[in-house]
Amino acid sequence: MWKKYLKKYLTSHTVCYTVCIVQCLRYTMTITENIFENLRLELRRGCLTLAVLAQLRQEHYGYTLRKALAERGLEIDESTLYPLLRRLETQGLLSSEWREEDKRNKRFYRLSGDGEVIFVKLLKEWQAINASIDNML
């Protein structure tokens, strides 16, 4: 008789234990994935600024800039690109002008003089950081 109770006790506790373990693992994976995603976005944010400045050594409007970045392996959403362009222009790093092309008004962006100076400094900083990290890895 006690074997019957023991079996029932162990079965119910094993199921409870398994459910708890699965839930804890799922929660831990979610936390880890969130941390990774936040850090990935933070890392990407800085790289996007440098990439946009690099591409705008030549004049582009938004669509061709997105296309040039994507061709080089760096996809960027419009909802990320246009606020970044406005911020960089407000900071004096870009200049822009509206022009009609193909019967449509388009805003063309290019590095300003200050933008070229900042780009060179940021590029040197990025290269130094990249070399340090490569050395560590």
N, C-alpha and C. Protein backbone atom coordinates (compact mmCIF):
# COMPACT_ATOMS: atom_id res chain seq x y z
N MET A 1 0.83 -1.19 0.00
CA MET A 1 0.00 0.00 0.00
C MET A 1 0.87 1.25 0.00
N TRP A 2 1.91 1.24 0.79
CA TRP A 2 2.77 2.42 0.84
C TRP A 2 3.47 2.65 -0.50
N LYS A 3 3.69 1.56 -1.27
CA LYS A 3 4.31 1.70 -2.58
C LYS A 3 3.40 2.50 -3.51
N LYS A 4 2.12 2.30 -3.41
CA LYS A 4 1.14 3.02 -4.23
C LYS A 4 1.21 4.52 -3.93
N TYR A 5 1.25 4.87 -2.65
CA TYR A 5 1.34 6.28 -2.26
C TYR A 5 2.68 6.90 -2.66
N LEU A 6 3.72 6.13 -2.50
CA LEU A 6 5.05 6.61 -2.87
C LEU A 6 5.11 6.89 -4.37
N LYS A 7 4.57 5.98 -5.16
CA LYS A 7 4.56 6.16 -6.61
C LYS A 7 3.76 7.41 -6.98
N LYS A 8 2.60 7.59 -6.38
CA LYS A 8 1.76 8.76 -6.65
C LYS A 8 2.49 10.04 -6.22
N TYR A 9 3.14 10.02 -5.06
CA TYR A 9 3.87 11.17 -4.53
C TYR A 9 5.01 11.54 -5.48
N LEU A 10 5.80 10.54 -5.86
CA LEU A 10 6.95 10.81 -6.73
C LEU A 10 6.50 11.29 -8.11
N THR A 11 5.44 10.72 -8.64
CA THR A 11 4.94 11.13 -9.95
C THR A 11 4.46 12.56 -9.92
N SER A 12 3.67 12.93 -8.93
CA SER A 12 3.15 14.29 -8.86
C SER A 12 4.28 15.29 -8.62
N HIS A 13 5.26 14.94 -7.81
CA HIS A 13 6.38 15.84 -7.55
C HIS A 13 7.32 15.93 -8.75
N THR A 14 7.48 14.82 -9.47
CA THR A 14 8.32 14.84 -10.66
C THR A 14 7.72 15.75 -11.72
N VAL A 15 6.41 15.67 -11.90
CA VAL A 15 5.73 16.54 -12.86
C VAL A 15 5.86 18.00 -12.44
N CYS A 16 5.64 18.26 -11.16
CA CYS A 16 5.76 19.63 -10.64
C CYS A 16 7.18 20.14 -10.83
N TYR A 17 8.16 19.30 -10.49
CA TYR A 17 9.57 19.67 -10.63
C TYR A 17 9.89 19.98 -12.10
N THR A 18 9.43 19.13 -13.00
CA THR A 18 9.70 19.31 -14.44
C THR A 18 9.08 20.61 -14.94
N VAL A 19 7.85 20.87 -14.55
CA VAL A 19 7.18 22.12 -14.96
C VAL A 19 7.95 23.33 -14.44
N CYS A 20 8.38 23.26 -13.19
CA CYS A 20 9.15 24.37 -12.60
C CYS A 20 10.45 24.59 -13.36
N ILE A 21 11.14 23.52 -13.67
CA ILE A 21 12.42 23.63 -14.39
C ILE A 21 12.19 24.24 -15.78
N VAL A 22 11.19 23.77 -16.49
CA VAL A 22 10.91 24.29 -17.83
C VAL A 22 10.57 25.78 -17.76
N GLN A 23 9.74 26.16 -16.80
CA GLN A 23 9.37 27.58 -16.67
C GLN A 23 10.58 28.44 -16.31
N CYS A 24 11.42 27.95 -15.43
CA CYS A 24 12.62 28.70 -15.04
C CYS A 24 13.56 28.85 -16.23
N LEU A 25 13.75 27.79 -16.99
CA LEU A 25 14.62 27.87 -18.16
C LEU A 25 14.06 28.85 -19.19
N ARG A 26 12.76 28.80 -19.40
CA ARG A 26 12.12 29.71 -20.37
C ARG A 26 12.31 31.16 -19.92
N TYR A 27 12.11 31.42 -18.64
CA TYR A 27 12.29 32.77 -18.09
C TYR A 27 13.74 33.22 -18.23
N THR A 28 14.68 32.34 -17.91
CA THR A 28 16.11 32.66 -18.02
C THR A 28 16.48 32.94 -19.47
N MET A 29 15.97 32.14 -20.40
CA MET A 29 16.27 32.36 -21.81
C MET A 29 15.70 33.69 -22.28
N THR A 30 14.51 34.04 -21.82
CA THR A 30 13.91 35.31 -22.19
C THR A 30 14.76 36.47 -21.69
N ILE A 31 15.22 36.41 -20.46
CA ILE A 31 16.07 37.46 -19.90
C ILE A 31 17.36 37.55 -20.71
N THR A 32 17.98 36.42 -21.00
CA THR A 32 19.22 36.40 -21.75
C THR A 32 19.01 36.96 -23.15
N GLU A 33 17.94 36.58 -23.80
CA GLU A 33 17.65 37.08 -25.14
C GLU A 33 17.41 38.59 -25.10
N ASN A 34 16.71 39.09 -24.09
CA ASN A 34 16.47 40.53 -23.97
C ASN A 34 17.76 41.29 -23.74
N ILE A 35 18.60 40.76 -22.88
CA ILE A 35 19.89 41.40 -22.62
C ILE A 35 20.71 41.44 -23.90
N PHE A 36 20.78 40.31 -24.60
CA PHE A 36 21.52 40.27 -25.87
C PHE A 36 20.97 41.28 -26.86
N GLU A 37 19.67 41.31 -27.01
CA GLU A 37 19.05 42.21 -27.99
C GLU A 37 19.34 43.67 -27.65
N ASN A 38 19.24 44.04 -26.39
CA ASN A 38 19.54 45.42 -25.98
C ASN A 38 21.00 45.78 -26.25
N LEU A 39 21.90 44.88 -25.93
CA LEU A 39 23.33 45.14 -26.18
C LEU A 39 23.64 45.17 -27.68
N ARG A 40 22.98 44.31 -28.44
CA ARG A 40 23.17 44.28 -29.89
C ARG A 40 22.74 45.61 -30.51
N LEU A 41 21.58 46.11 -30.07
CA LEU A 41 21.09 47.39 -30.59
C LEU A 41 21.99 48.54 -30.20
N GLU A 42 22.52 48.51 -28.99
CA GLU A 42 23.44 49.55 -28.53
C GLU A 42 24.71 49.55 -29.38
N LEU A 43 25.26 48.37 -29.63
CA LEU A 43 26.45 48.24 -30.45
C LEU A 43 26.18 48.71 -31.88
N ARG A 44 25.04 48.31 -32.40
CA ARG A 44 24.66 48.65 -33.78
C ARG A 44 24.46 50.15 -33.96
N ARG A 45 23.87 50.81 -32.94
CA ARG A 45 23.58 52.24 -33.02
C ARG A 45 24.83 53.06 -33.33
N GLY A 46 25.91 52.78 -32.62
CA GLY A 46 27.15 53.50 -32.86
C GLY A 46 27.74 53.20 -34.22
N CYS A 47 27.64 51.95 -34.64
CA CYS A 47 28.17 51.56 -35.95
C CYS A 47 27.38 52.21 -37.08
N LEU A 48 26.07 52.34 -36.91
CA LEU A 48 25.25 52.96 -37.95
C LEU A 48 25.65 54.41 -38.19
N THR A 49 25.94 55.13 -37.13
CA THR A 49 26.35 56.53 -37.28
C THR A 49 27.61 56.61 -38.11
N LEU A 50 28.58 55.79 -37.79
CA LEU A 50 29.83 55.79 -38.54
C LEU A 50 29.60 55.38 -39.99
N ALA A 51 28.78 54.37 -40.21
CA ALA A 51 28.50 53.90 -41.57
C ALA A 51 27.79 54.98 -42.40
N VAL A 52 26.83 55.67 -41.79
CA VAL A 52 26.12 56.73 -42.51
C VAL A 52 27.08 57.87 -42.86
N LEU A 53 27.92 58.26 -41.92
CA LEU A 53 28.90 59.31 -42.21
C LEU A 53 29.84 58.87 -43.33
N ALA A 54 30.25 57.63 -43.32
CA ALA A 54 31.15 57.11 -44.37
C ALA A 54 30.48 57.18 -45.74
N GLN A 55 29.22 56.78 -45.80
CA GLN A 55 28.51 56.78 -47.08
C GLN A 55 28.23 58.19 -47.58
N LEU A 56 28.07 59.12 -46.65
CA LEU A 56 27.72 60.48 -47.06
C LEU A 56 28.94 61.33 -47.41
N ARG A 57 30.08 60.68 -47.58
CA ARG A 57 31.20 61.40 -48.20
C ARG A 57 30.84 61.69 -49.65
N GLN A 58 29.92 60.87 -50.17
CA GLN A 58 29.31 61.12 -51.47
C GLN A 58 27.84 61.44 -51.23
N GLU A 59 27.30 62.31 -52.03
CA GLU A 59 25.91 62.75 -51.85
C GLU A 59 24.92 61.60 -52.12
N HIS A 60 23.92 61.53 -51.25
CA HIS A 60 22.84 60.54 -51.40
C HIS A 60 21.54 61.17 -50.93
N TYR A 61 20.43 60.67 -51.43
CA TYR A 61 19.16 60.92 -50.78
C TYR A 61 18.79 59.65 -50.03
N GLY A 62 17.79 59.72 -49.19
CA GLY A 62 17.50 58.65 -48.26
C GLY A 62 17.46 57.25 -48.85
N TYR A 63 16.73 57.07 -49.95
CA TYR A 63 16.57 55.74 -50.52
C TYR A 63 17.91 55.20 -51.03
N THR A 64 18.68 56.03 -51.74
CA THR A 64 19.96 55.53 -52.26
C THR A 64 20.95 55.28 -51.12
N LEU A 65 20.84 56.02 -50.05
CA LEU A 65 21.70 55.79 -48.89
C LEU A 65 21.37 54.44 -48.27
N ARG A 66 20.08 54.17 -48.07
CA ARG A 66 19.66 52.87 -47.52
C ARG A 66 20.14 51.74 -48.41
N LYS A 67 20.00 51.93 -49.72
CA LYS A 67 20.40 50.90 -50.69
C LYS A 67 21.91 50.67 -50.64
N ALA A 68 22.70 51.75 -50.58
CA ALA A 68 24.16 51.62 -50.51
C ALA A 68 24.59 50.90 -49.24
N LEU A 69 23.96 51.22 -48.13
CA LEU A 69 24.28 50.55 -46.86
C LEU A 69 23.92 49.07 -46.93
N ALA A 70 22.75 48.77 -47.49
CA ALA A 70 22.29 47.38 -47.59
C ALA A 70 23.21 46.57 -48.50
N GLU A 71 23.68 47.17 -49.59
CA GLU A 71 24.58 46.47 -50.50
C GLU A 71 25.90 46.11 -49.82
N ARG A 72 26.24 46.84 -48.78
CA ARG A 72 27.47 46.59 -48.04
C ARG A 72 27.20 45.78 -46.76
N GLY A 73 25.97 45.24 -46.66
CA GLY A 73 25.64 44.33 -45.57
C GLY A 73 25.05 44.97 -44.33
N LEU A 74 24.67 46.24 -44.42
CA LEU A 74 24.14 46.93 -43.24
C LEU A 74 22.73 47.45 -43.54
N GLU A 75 21.75 46.62 -43.21
CA GLU A 75 20.35 47.00 -43.40
C GLU A 75 19.97 48.04 -42.36
N ILE A 76 19.16 49.00 -42.76
CA ILE A 76 18.69 50.03 -41.82
C ILE A 76 17.26 50.41 -42.22
N ASP A 77 16.38 50.45 -41.24
CA ASP A 77 14.99 50.83 -41.48
C ASP A 77 14.87 52.33 -41.68
N GLU A 78 13.85 52.73 -42.43
CA GLU A 78 13.59 54.15 -42.61
C GLU A 78 13.34 54.84 -41.27
N SER A 79 12.67 54.14 -40.38
CA SER A 79 12.34 54.72 -39.07
C SER A 79 13.59 54.94 -38.21
N THR A 80 14.69 54.34 -38.59
CA THR A 80 15.97 54.57 -37.92
C THR A 80 16.80 55.59 -38.69
N LEU A 81 16.80 55.46 -40.01
CA LEU A 81 17.65 56.29 -40.85
C LEU A 81 17.29 57.77 -40.81
N TYR A 82 16.03 58.10 -41.03
CA TYR A 82 15.66 59.51 -41.16
C TYR A 82 15.83 60.30 -39.86
N PRO A 83 15.47 59.75 -38.72
CA PRO A 83 15.80 60.48 -37.48
C PRO A 83 17.31 60.66 -37.28
N LEU A 84 18.09 59.65 -37.68
CA LEU A 84 19.55 59.75 -37.58
C LEU A 84 20.06 60.87 -38.48
N LEU A 85 19.54 60.94 -39.71
CA LEU A 85 19.95 62.01 -40.63
C LEU A 85 19.60 63.38 -40.08
N ARG A 86 18.41 63.52 -39.52
CA ARG A 86 18.01 64.82 -38.94
C ARG A 86 18.90 65.19 -37.76
N ARG A 87 19.21 64.22 -36.92
CA ARG A 87 20.07 64.48 -35.77
C ARG A 87 21.47 64.90 -36.21
N LEU A 88 22.03 64.19 -37.19
CA LEU A 88 23.37 64.52 -37.68
C LEU A 88 23.39 65.90 -38.35
N GLU A 89 22.31 66.24 -39.02
CA GLU A 89 22.23 67.57 -39.64
C GLU A 89 22.11 68.66 -38.57
N THR A 90 21.30 68.40 -37.55
CA THR A 90 21.15 69.35 -36.44
C THR A 90 22.49 69.57 -35.74
N GLN A 91 23.29 68.52 -35.65
CA GLN A 91 24.61 68.62 -35.02
C GLN A 91 25.64 69.31 -35.92
N GLY A 92 25.24 69.61 -37.16
CA GLY A 92 26.13 70.30 -38.08
C GLY A 92 27.07 69.39 -38.85
N LEU A 93 26.83 68.08 -38.79
CA LEU A 93 27.71 67.13 -39.46
C LEU A 93 27.30 66.86 -40.90
N LEU A 94 26.06 67.18 -41.23
CA LEU A 94 25.55 66.99 -42.59
C LEU A 94 24.98 68.29 -43.11
N SER A 95 25.01 68.43 -44.41
CA SER A 95 24.26 69.50 -45.06
C SER A 95 23.29 68.81 -46.02
N SER A 96 22.19 69.46 -46.29
CA SER A 96 21.20 68.87 -47.18
C SER A 96 20.57 69.95 -48.04
N GLU A 97 20.03 69.50 -49.14
CA GLU A 97 19.29 70.42 -50.00
C GLU A 97 18.21 69.64 -50.74
N TRP A 98 17.09 70.32 -50.96
CA TRP A 98 15.98 69.74 -51.71
C TRP A 98 16.23 70.01 -53.19
N ARG A 99 16.06 68.97 -54.00
CA ARG A 99 16.16 69.12 -55.46
C ARG A 99 15.12 68.24 -56.11
N GLU A 100 14.74 68.66 -57.31
CA GLU A 100 13.80 67.85 -58.07
C GLU A 100 14.59 66.88 -58.93
N GLU A 101 14.22 65.61 -58.82
CA GLU A 101 14.84 64.57 -59.65
C GLU A 101 13.76 63.59 -60.04
N ASP A 102 13.69 63.28 -61.31
CA ASP A 102 12.64 62.38 -61.81
C ASP A 102 11.26 62.89 -61.44
N LYS A 103 11.07 64.21 -61.56
CA LYS A 103 9.80 64.88 -61.28
C LYS A 103 9.35 64.72 -59.83
N ARG A 104 10.31 64.48 -58.93
CA ARG A 104 9.99 64.37 -57.50
C ARG A 104 11.01 65.18 -56.73
N ASN A 105 10.55 65.80 -55.65
CA ASN A 105 11.48 66.50 -54.77
C ASN A 105 12.14 65.48 -53.84
N LYS A 106 13.47 65.57 -53.78
CA LYS A 106 14.23 64.66 -52.94
C LYS A 106 15.23 65.49 -52.14
N ARG A 107 15.45 65.04 -50.93
CA ARG A 107 16.41 65.73 -50.07
C ARG A 107 17.74 64.99 -50.14
N PHE A 108 18.76 65.68 -50.61
CA PHE A 108 20.08 65.11 -50.76
C PHE A 108 20.95 65.51 -49.57
N TYR A 109 21.69 64.54 -49.05
CA TYR A 109 22.55 64.74 -47.88
C TYR A 109 24.00 64.54 -48.27
N ARG A 110 24.87 65.27 -47.59
CA ARG A 110 26.31 65.16 -47.78
C ARG A 110 27.00 65.59 -46.49
N LEU A 111 28.20 65.06 -46.25
CA LEU A 111 28.97 65.50 -45.09
C LEU A 111 29.29 66.98 -45.21
N SER A 112 29.16 67.69 -44.12
CA SER A 112 29.60 69.10 -44.08
C SER A 112 31.10 69.09 -43.78
N GLY A 113 31.70 70.26 -43.76
CA GLY A 113 33.12 70.36 -43.39
C GLY A 113 33.37 69.81 -42.00
N ASP A 114 32.52 70.19 -41.05
CA ASP A 114 32.65 69.65 -39.68
C ASP A 114 32.41 68.15 -39.67
N GLY A 115 31.49 67.70 -40.51
CA GLY A 115 31.19 66.27 -40.59
C GLY A 115 32.39 65.47 -41.06
N GLU A 116 33.14 66.02 -42.02
CA GLU A 116 34.34 65.33 -42.50
C GLU A 116 35.38 65.21 -41.40
N VAL A 117 35.56 66.29 -40.63
CA VAL A 117 36.53 66.27 -39.52
C VAL A 117 36.11 65.24 -38.48
N ILE A 118 34.84 65.26 -38.09
CA ILE A 118 34.33 64.32 -37.08
C ILE A 118 34.40 62.88 -37.60
N PHE A 119 34.09 62.69 -38.89
CA PHE A 119 34.16 61.34 -39.47
C PHE A 119 35.57 60.78 -39.34
N VAL A 120 36.58 61.55 -39.69
CA VAL A 120 37.97 61.09 -39.61
C VAL A 120 38.32 60.73 -38.17
N LYS A 121 37.92 61.57 -37.21
CA LYS A 121 38.21 61.29 -35.79
C LYS A 121 37.48 60.03 -35.32
N LEU A 122 36.20 59.90 -35.68
CA LEU A 122 35.44 58.71 -35.27
C LEU A 122 36.01 57.44 -35.91
N LEU A 123 36.43 57.56 -37.16
CA LEU A 123 37.01 56.40 -37.84
C LEU A 123 38.29 55.95 -37.14
N LYS A 124 39.15 56.88 -36.77
CA LYS A 124 40.38 56.53 -36.05
C LYS A 124 40.04 55.88 -34.71
N GLU A 125 39.05 56.43 -34.02
CA GLU A 125 38.63 55.86 -32.73
C GLU A 125 38.09 54.45 -32.91
N TRP A 126 37.26 54.26 -33.93
CA TRP A 126 36.69 52.94 -34.21
C TRP A 126 37.80 51.94 -34.55
N GLN A 127 38.76 52.37 -35.35
CA GLN A 127 39.86 51.47 -35.73
C GLN A 127 40.68 51.08 -34.50
N ALA A 128 40.91 52.02 -33.59
CA ALA A 128 41.66 51.72 -32.37
C ALA A 128 40.89 50.74 -31.48
N ILE A 129 39.60 50.98 -31.32
CA ILE A 129 38.77 50.07 -30.51
C ILE A 129 38.72 48.70 -31.15
N ASN A 130 38.53 48.66 -32.46
CA ASN A 130 38.46 47.40 -33.18
C ASN A 130 39.78 46.62 -33.04
N ALA A 131 40.93 47.31 -33.15
CA ALA A 131 42.22 46.65 -33.01
C ALA A 131 42.38 46.09 -31.58
N SER A 132 41.94 46.85 -30.59
CA SER A 132 42.03 46.39 -29.20
C SER A 132 41.18 45.14 -28.98
N ILE A 133 39.98 45.17 -29.49
CA ILE A 133 39.09 44.01 -29.32
C ILE A 133 39.63 42.81 -30.07
N ASP A 134 40.13 43.02 -31.29
CA ASP A 134 40.75 41.90 -32.04
C ASP A 134 41.91 41.32 -31.25
N ASN A 135 42.68 42.18 -30.62
CA ASN A 135 43.82 41.73 -29.82
C ASN A 135 43.36 40.89 -28.62
N MET A 136 42.24 41.29 -28.01
CA MET A 136 41.72 40.54 -26.88
C MET A 136 41.14 39.20 -27.30
N LEU A 137 40.53 39.17 -28.46
CA LEU A 137 39.89 37.94 -28.92
C LEU A 137 40.90 36.98 -29.51
